[in-house]
Amino acid sequence: MPETVKVLGQTSPAAGVLSGLYEVPGFASCTVSSIVICNRGDVDGSFRVAVAIGGADDSPEQYLYYDQMVEKRATFVATIGITLGSADVLRVQAGTSDVSFNLFGIEVA
């Protein structure tokens, strides 16, 4: 099975909107090495990160981070090492519109 080291996803969603950052393609799996959250704004902000198995509807048990604070003009890095299967979705939400998310890992097809 070929492995591809890559940027899995990037987004800067609207404030308060739960958005898909990455969905594992069919017949693939993935190891997430890190997620980087950057607050580009001039006020402190917050973020959420959730993993939906098979793209399931949003529910409380999916959250890895919930209203985690990130200071203004600062970056939060999580070296996380989680594995995702086919159709799993990593979702993010920001408390302000000045937050960017970058996801890095290895995709196995």
N, C-alpha and C. Protein backbone atom coordinates (compact mmCIF):
# COMPACT_ATOMS: atom_id res chain seq x y z
N MET A 1 0.83 -1.18 0.00
CA MET A 1 0.00 0.00 0.00
C MET A 1 0.88 1.25 0.00
N PRO A 2 0.66 2.14 -0.94
CA PRO A 2 1.46 3.36 -0.97
C PRO A 2 1.08 4.33 0.15
N GLU A 3 2.10 4.92 0.75
CA GLU A 3 1.91 5.92 1.80
C GLU A 3 2.29 7.27 1.24
N THR A 4 1.47 8.28 1.53
CA THR A 4 1.74 9.62 1.07
C THR A 4 1.77 10.56 2.26
N VAL A 5 2.93 11.17 2.51
CA VAL A 5 3.06 12.18 3.54
C VAL A 5 2.57 13.48 2.94
N LYS A 6 1.61 14.14 3.61
CA LYS A 6 1.03 15.31 2.98
C LYS A 6 0.33 16.23 3.96
N VAL A 7 -0.01 17.40 3.45
CA VAL A 7 -0.93 18.29 4.15
C VAL A 7 -2.31 17.71 3.89
N LEU A 8 -2.97 17.27 4.94
CA LEU A 8 -4.27 16.61 4.78
C LEU A 8 -5.40 17.61 4.59
N GLY A 9 -5.25 18.80 5.17
CA GLY A 9 -6.30 19.79 5.03
C GLY A 9 -5.91 21.13 5.59
N GLN A 10 -6.55 22.17 5.07
CA GLN A 10 -6.37 23.53 5.55
C GLN A 10 -7.72 24.23 5.45
N THR A 11 -8.06 25.01 6.49
CA THR A 11 -9.29 25.79 6.44
C THR A 11 -9.22 26.94 7.42
N SER A 12 -10.03 27.94 7.15
CA SER A 12 -10.25 29.06 8.05
C SER A 12 -11.75 29.31 8.05
N PRO A 13 -12.49 28.53 8.84
CA PRO A 13 -13.95 28.58 8.78
C PRO A 13 -14.53 29.84 9.41
N ALA A 14 -15.76 30.13 9.06
CA ALA A 14 -16.50 31.22 9.70
C ALA A 14 -16.66 30.91 11.19
N ALA A 15 -16.71 31.92 12.00
CA ALA A 15 -16.85 31.74 13.46
C ALA A 15 -18.11 30.94 13.79
N GLY A 16 -17.95 29.96 14.68
CA GLY A 16 -19.08 29.19 15.17
C GLY A 16 -19.63 28.13 14.24
N VAL A 17 -18.95 27.88 13.13
CA VAL A 17 -19.44 26.90 12.15
C VAL A 17 -18.57 25.65 12.21
N LEU A 18 -19.17 24.51 12.54
CA LEU A 18 -18.46 23.23 12.54
C LEU A 18 -18.23 22.83 11.09
N SER A 19 -16.95 22.68 10.72
CA SER A 19 -16.59 22.45 9.32
C SER A 19 -15.70 21.23 9.18
N GLY A 20 -15.85 20.51 8.08
CA GLY A 20 -14.97 19.39 7.79
C GLY A 20 -13.61 19.88 7.37
N LEU A 21 -12.57 19.42 8.04
CA LEU A 21 -11.20 19.76 7.67
C LEU A 21 -10.61 18.67 6.76
N TYR A 22 -10.97 17.41 7.03
CA TYR A 22 -10.43 16.30 6.25
C TYR A 22 -11.34 15.09 6.37
N GLU A 23 -11.59 14.45 5.23
CA GLU A 23 -12.32 13.18 5.21
C GLU A 23 -11.42 12.15 4.55
N VAL A 24 -11.23 11.02 5.21
CA VAL A 24 -10.39 9.96 4.66
C VAL A 24 -11.08 9.39 3.43
N PRO A 25 -10.37 9.33 2.30
CA PRO A 25 -10.97 8.78 1.08
C PRO A 25 -11.34 7.31 1.25
N GLY A 26 -12.26 6.84 0.41
CA GLY A 26 -12.64 5.44 0.42
C GLY A 26 -11.44 4.54 0.18
N PHE A 27 -11.42 3.40 0.82
CA PHE A 27 -10.34 2.41 0.69
C PHE A 27 -8.98 2.95 1.13
N ALA A 28 -8.97 3.90 2.05
CA ALA A 28 -7.72 4.45 2.57
C ALA A 28 -7.79 4.53 4.08
N SER A 29 -6.65 4.78 4.68
CA SER A 29 -6.58 5.08 6.11
C SER A 29 -5.57 6.21 6.26
N CYS A 30 -5.45 6.71 7.46
CA CYS A 30 -4.61 7.88 7.66
C CYS A 30 -4.08 7.91 9.08
N THR A 31 -2.85 8.39 9.23
CA THR A 31 -2.31 8.70 10.54
C THR A 31 -2.07 10.20 10.58
N VAL A 32 -2.74 10.86 11.50
CA VAL A 32 -2.58 12.30 11.68
C VAL A 32 -1.38 12.53 12.59
N SER A 33 -0.39 13.25 12.08
CA SER A 33 0.79 13.51 12.90
C SER A 33 0.60 14.75 13.75
N SER A 34 -0.01 15.80 13.18
CA SER A 34 -0.21 17.02 13.96
C SER A 34 -1.31 17.88 13.36
N ILE A 35 -1.87 18.69 14.23
CA ILE A 35 -2.82 19.72 13.83
C ILE A 35 -2.31 21.03 14.41
N VAL A 36 -2.28 22.04 13.56
CA VAL A 36 -1.76 23.35 13.94
C VAL A 36 -2.89 24.36 13.83
N ILE A 37 -3.15 25.07 14.93
CA ILE A 37 -4.21 26.06 14.97
C ILE A 37 -3.58 27.42 15.20
N CYS A 38 -3.81 28.35 14.28
CA CYS A 38 -3.21 29.68 14.35
C CYS A 38 -4.31 30.73 14.53
N ASN A 39 -4.18 31.52 15.58
CA ASN A 39 -5.09 32.65 15.79
C ASN A 39 -4.42 33.89 15.20
N ARG A 40 -4.91 34.33 14.07
CA ARG A 40 -4.35 35.48 13.37
C ARG A 40 -4.88 36.81 13.90
N GLY A 41 -5.84 36.74 14.80
CA GLY A 41 -6.54 37.94 15.25
C GLY A 41 -5.87 38.68 16.40
N ASP A 42 -6.51 39.79 16.76
CA ASP A 42 -6.03 40.65 17.83
C ASP A 42 -6.73 40.40 19.16
N VAL A 43 -7.54 39.35 19.24
CA VAL A 43 -8.20 38.97 20.49
C VAL A 43 -7.99 37.47 20.71
N ASP A 44 -8.02 37.04 21.97
CA ASP A 44 -7.93 35.62 22.27
C ASP A 44 -9.11 34.89 21.63
N GLY A 45 -8.89 33.66 21.25
CA GLY A 45 -9.95 32.89 20.61
C GLY A 45 -10.02 31.48 21.16
N SER A 46 -10.91 30.70 20.60
CA SER A 46 -11.07 29.31 21.02
C SER A 46 -11.31 28.45 19.79
N PHE A 47 -11.17 27.14 19.99
CA PHE A 47 -11.42 26.21 18.89
C PHE A 47 -11.90 24.87 19.42
N ARG A 48 -12.46 24.09 18.51
CA ARG A 48 -12.91 22.73 18.78
C ARG A 48 -12.37 21.82 17.68
N VAL A 49 -12.09 20.57 18.05
CA VAL A 49 -11.67 19.55 17.08
C VAL A 49 -12.41 18.28 17.43
N ALA A 50 -13.04 17.66 16.43
CA ALA A 50 -13.81 16.44 16.64
C ALA A 50 -13.50 15.42 15.55
N VAL A 51 -13.62 14.14 15.89
CA VAL A 51 -13.45 13.06 14.93
C VAL A 51 -14.77 12.29 14.84
N ALA A 52 -15.33 12.25 13.64
CA ALA A 52 -16.59 11.56 13.40
C ALA A 52 -16.30 10.26 12.66
N ILE A 53 -16.48 9.15 13.34
CA ILE A 53 -16.25 7.84 12.73
C ILE A 53 -17.25 7.64 11.60
N GLY A 54 -16.74 7.35 10.41
CA GLY A 54 -17.60 7.12 9.25
C GLY A 54 -18.45 8.31 8.88
N GLY A 55 -18.05 9.52 9.32
CA GLY A 55 -18.81 10.73 9.00
C GLY A 55 -20.09 10.88 9.79
N ALA A 56 -20.16 10.24 10.95
CA ALA A 56 -21.37 10.30 11.79
C ALA A 56 -21.75 11.73 12.12
N ASP A 57 -23.01 11.93 12.46
CA ASP A 57 -23.49 13.24 12.90
C ASP A 57 -22.72 13.68 14.13
N ASP A 58 -22.62 14.98 14.33
CA ASP A 58 -21.91 15.56 15.47
C ASP A 58 -22.51 15.07 16.79
N SER A 59 -21.63 14.67 17.73
CA SER A 59 -22.08 14.25 19.06
C SER A 59 -20.95 14.47 20.07
N PRO A 60 -21.27 14.60 21.35
CA PRO A 60 -20.28 14.98 22.37
C PRO A 60 -19.05 14.10 22.47
N GLU A 61 -19.18 12.80 22.27
CA GLU A 61 -18.03 11.91 22.46
C GLU A 61 -16.96 12.06 21.39
N GLN A 62 -17.23 12.79 20.32
CA GLN A 62 -16.27 12.94 19.22
C GLN A 62 -15.18 13.97 19.50
N TYR A 63 -15.34 14.80 20.52
CA TYR A 63 -14.45 15.96 20.69
C TYR A 63 -13.11 15.61 21.33
N LEU A 64 -12.04 16.07 20.66
CA LEU A 64 -10.69 15.97 21.19
C LEU A 64 -10.32 17.25 21.93
N TYR A 65 -10.79 18.38 21.42
CA TYR A 65 -10.63 19.70 22.05
C TYR A 65 -11.97 20.40 21.98
N TYR A 66 -12.34 21.05 23.08
CA TYR A 66 -13.64 21.73 23.14
C TYR A 66 -13.44 23.09 23.81
N ASP A 67 -13.59 24.12 23.03
CA ASP A 67 -13.39 25.49 23.50
C ASP A 67 -12.00 25.69 24.11
N GLN A 68 -11.01 25.07 23.49
CA GLN A 68 -9.61 25.25 23.87
C GLN A 68 -9.19 26.67 23.50
N MET A 69 -8.57 27.36 24.41
CA MET A 69 -8.15 28.74 24.16
C MET A 69 -6.85 28.79 23.36
N VAL A 70 -6.76 29.79 22.51
CA VAL A 70 -5.51 30.11 21.82
C VAL A 70 -5.41 31.64 21.85
N GLU A 71 -4.31 32.10 22.40
CA GLU A 71 -4.13 33.54 22.58
C GLU A 71 -4.04 34.27 21.25
N LYS A 72 -4.29 35.57 21.29
CA LYS A 72 -4.19 36.39 20.09
C LYS A 72 -2.79 36.27 19.49
N ARG A 73 -2.74 36.23 18.16
CA ARG A 73 -1.47 36.16 17.42
C ARG A 73 -0.57 35.01 17.89
N ALA A 74 -1.19 33.89 18.25
CA ALA A 74 -0.44 32.73 18.75
C ALA A 74 -0.85 31.48 17.98
N THR A 75 -0.04 30.43 18.15
CA THR A 75 -0.29 29.16 17.49
C THR A 75 -0.31 28.04 18.51
N PHE A 76 -1.27 27.13 18.36
CA PHE A 76 -1.41 25.94 19.20
C PHE A 76 -1.06 24.75 18.31
N VAL A 77 -0.11 23.92 18.76
CA VAL A 77 0.29 22.75 17.98
C VAL A 77 0.01 21.50 18.80
N ALA A 78 -0.73 20.57 18.22
CA ALA A 78 -0.99 19.28 18.86
C ALA A 78 -0.32 18.20 18.02
N THR A 79 0.71 17.57 18.58
CA THR A 79 1.32 16.40 17.96
C THR A 79 0.52 15.23 18.46
N ILE A 80 -0.34 14.70 17.60
CA ILE A 80 -1.44 13.89 18.10
C ILE A 80 -1.36 12.41 17.77
N GLY A 81 -0.87 12.04 16.60
CA GLY A 81 -0.68 10.63 16.25
C GLY A 81 -1.91 9.76 16.29
N ILE A 82 -3.06 10.27 15.85
CA ILE A 82 -4.27 9.44 15.82
C ILE A 82 -4.42 8.77 14.45
N THR A 83 -5.15 7.68 14.43
CA THR A 83 -5.41 6.98 13.17
C THR A 83 -6.87 7.13 12.79
N LEU A 84 -7.11 7.26 11.50
CA LEU A 84 -8.46 7.40 10.98
C LEU A 84 -8.67 6.37 9.89
N GLY A 85 -9.89 5.86 9.80
CA GLY A 85 -10.23 4.89 8.77
C GLY A 85 -11.03 5.52 7.65
N SER A 86 -11.33 4.71 6.67
CA SER A 86 -12.08 5.16 5.50
C SER A 86 -13.37 5.87 5.92
N ALA A 87 -13.61 7.04 5.35
CA ALA A 87 -14.80 7.87 5.56
C ALA A 87 -14.85 8.58 6.92
N ASP A 88 -13.84 8.40 7.78
CA ASP A 88 -13.79 9.18 9.02
C ASP A 88 -13.56 10.64 8.67
N VAL A 89 -14.12 11.54 9.47
CA VAL A 89 -14.03 12.97 9.20
C VAL A 89 -13.48 13.69 10.41
N LEU A 90 -12.49 14.54 10.19
CA LEU A 90 -11.99 15.42 11.24
C LEU A 90 -12.63 16.78 11.02
N ARG A 91 -13.35 17.27 12.04
CA ARG A 91 -14.07 18.53 11.94
C ARG A 91 -13.49 19.55 12.92
N VAL A 92 -13.61 20.81 12.55
CA VAL A 92 -13.09 21.89 13.38
C VAL A 92 -14.11 23.01 13.48
N GLN A 93 -13.96 23.79 14.54
CA GLN A 93 -14.79 24.98 14.73
C GLN A 93 -13.96 26.02 15.45
N ALA A 94 -14.12 27.28 15.07
CA ALA A 94 -13.39 28.38 15.69
C ALA A 94 -14.36 29.35 16.33
N GLY A 95 -13.91 29.98 17.41
CA GLY A 95 -14.74 30.97 18.10
C GLY A 95 -14.74 32.32 17.40
N THR A 96 -13.73 32.57 16.57
CA THR A 96 -13.66 33.80 15.78
C THR A 96 -13.29 33.44 14.35
N SER A 97 -13.45 34.38 13.45
CA SER A 97 -13.15 34.10 12.04
C SER A 97 -11.66 34.26 11.71
N ASP A 98 -10.83 34.51 12.72
CA ASP A 98 -9.40 34.72 12.50
C ASP A 98 -8.56 33.48 12.84
N VAL A 99 -9.17 32.32 12.86
CA VAL A 99 -8.45 31.10 13.23
C VAL A 99 -8.28 30.20 12.01
N SER A 100 -7.04 29.75 11.81
CA SER A 100 -6.72 28.84 10.71
C SER A 100 -6.34 27.46 11.25
N PHE A 101 -6.70 26.42 10.52
CA PHE A 101 -6.39 25.05 10.89
C PHE A 101 -5.58 24.40 9.78
N ASN A 102 -4.51 23.70 10.15
CA ASN A 102 -3.70 22.94 9.21
C ASN A 102 -3.50 21.54 9.78
N LEU A 103 -3.71 20.54 8.96
CA LEU A 103 -3.63 19.14 9.38
C LEU A 103 -2.57 18.43 8.55
N PHE A 104 -1.68 17.69 9.22
CA PHE A 104 -0.57 17.01 8.56
C PHE A 104 -0.58 15.53 8.93
N GLY A 105 -0.19 14.69 7.98
CA GLY A 105 -0.15 13.27 8.28
C GLY A 105 0.25 12.41 7.11
N ILE A 106 -0.06 11.12 7.24
CA ILE A 106 0.28 10.12 6.22
C ILE A 106 -1.00 9.42 5.80
N GLU A 107 -1.27 9.44 4.52
CA GLU A 107 -2.43 8.78 3.96
C GLU A 107 -1.98 7.47 3.31
N VAL A 108 -2.65 6.38 3.63
CA VAL A 108 -2.32 5.06 3.10
C VAL A 108 -3.48 4.61 2.21
N ALA A 109 -3.18 4.39 0.93
CA ALA A 109 -4.25 4.00 -0.01
C ALA A 109 -4.14 2.53 -0.34
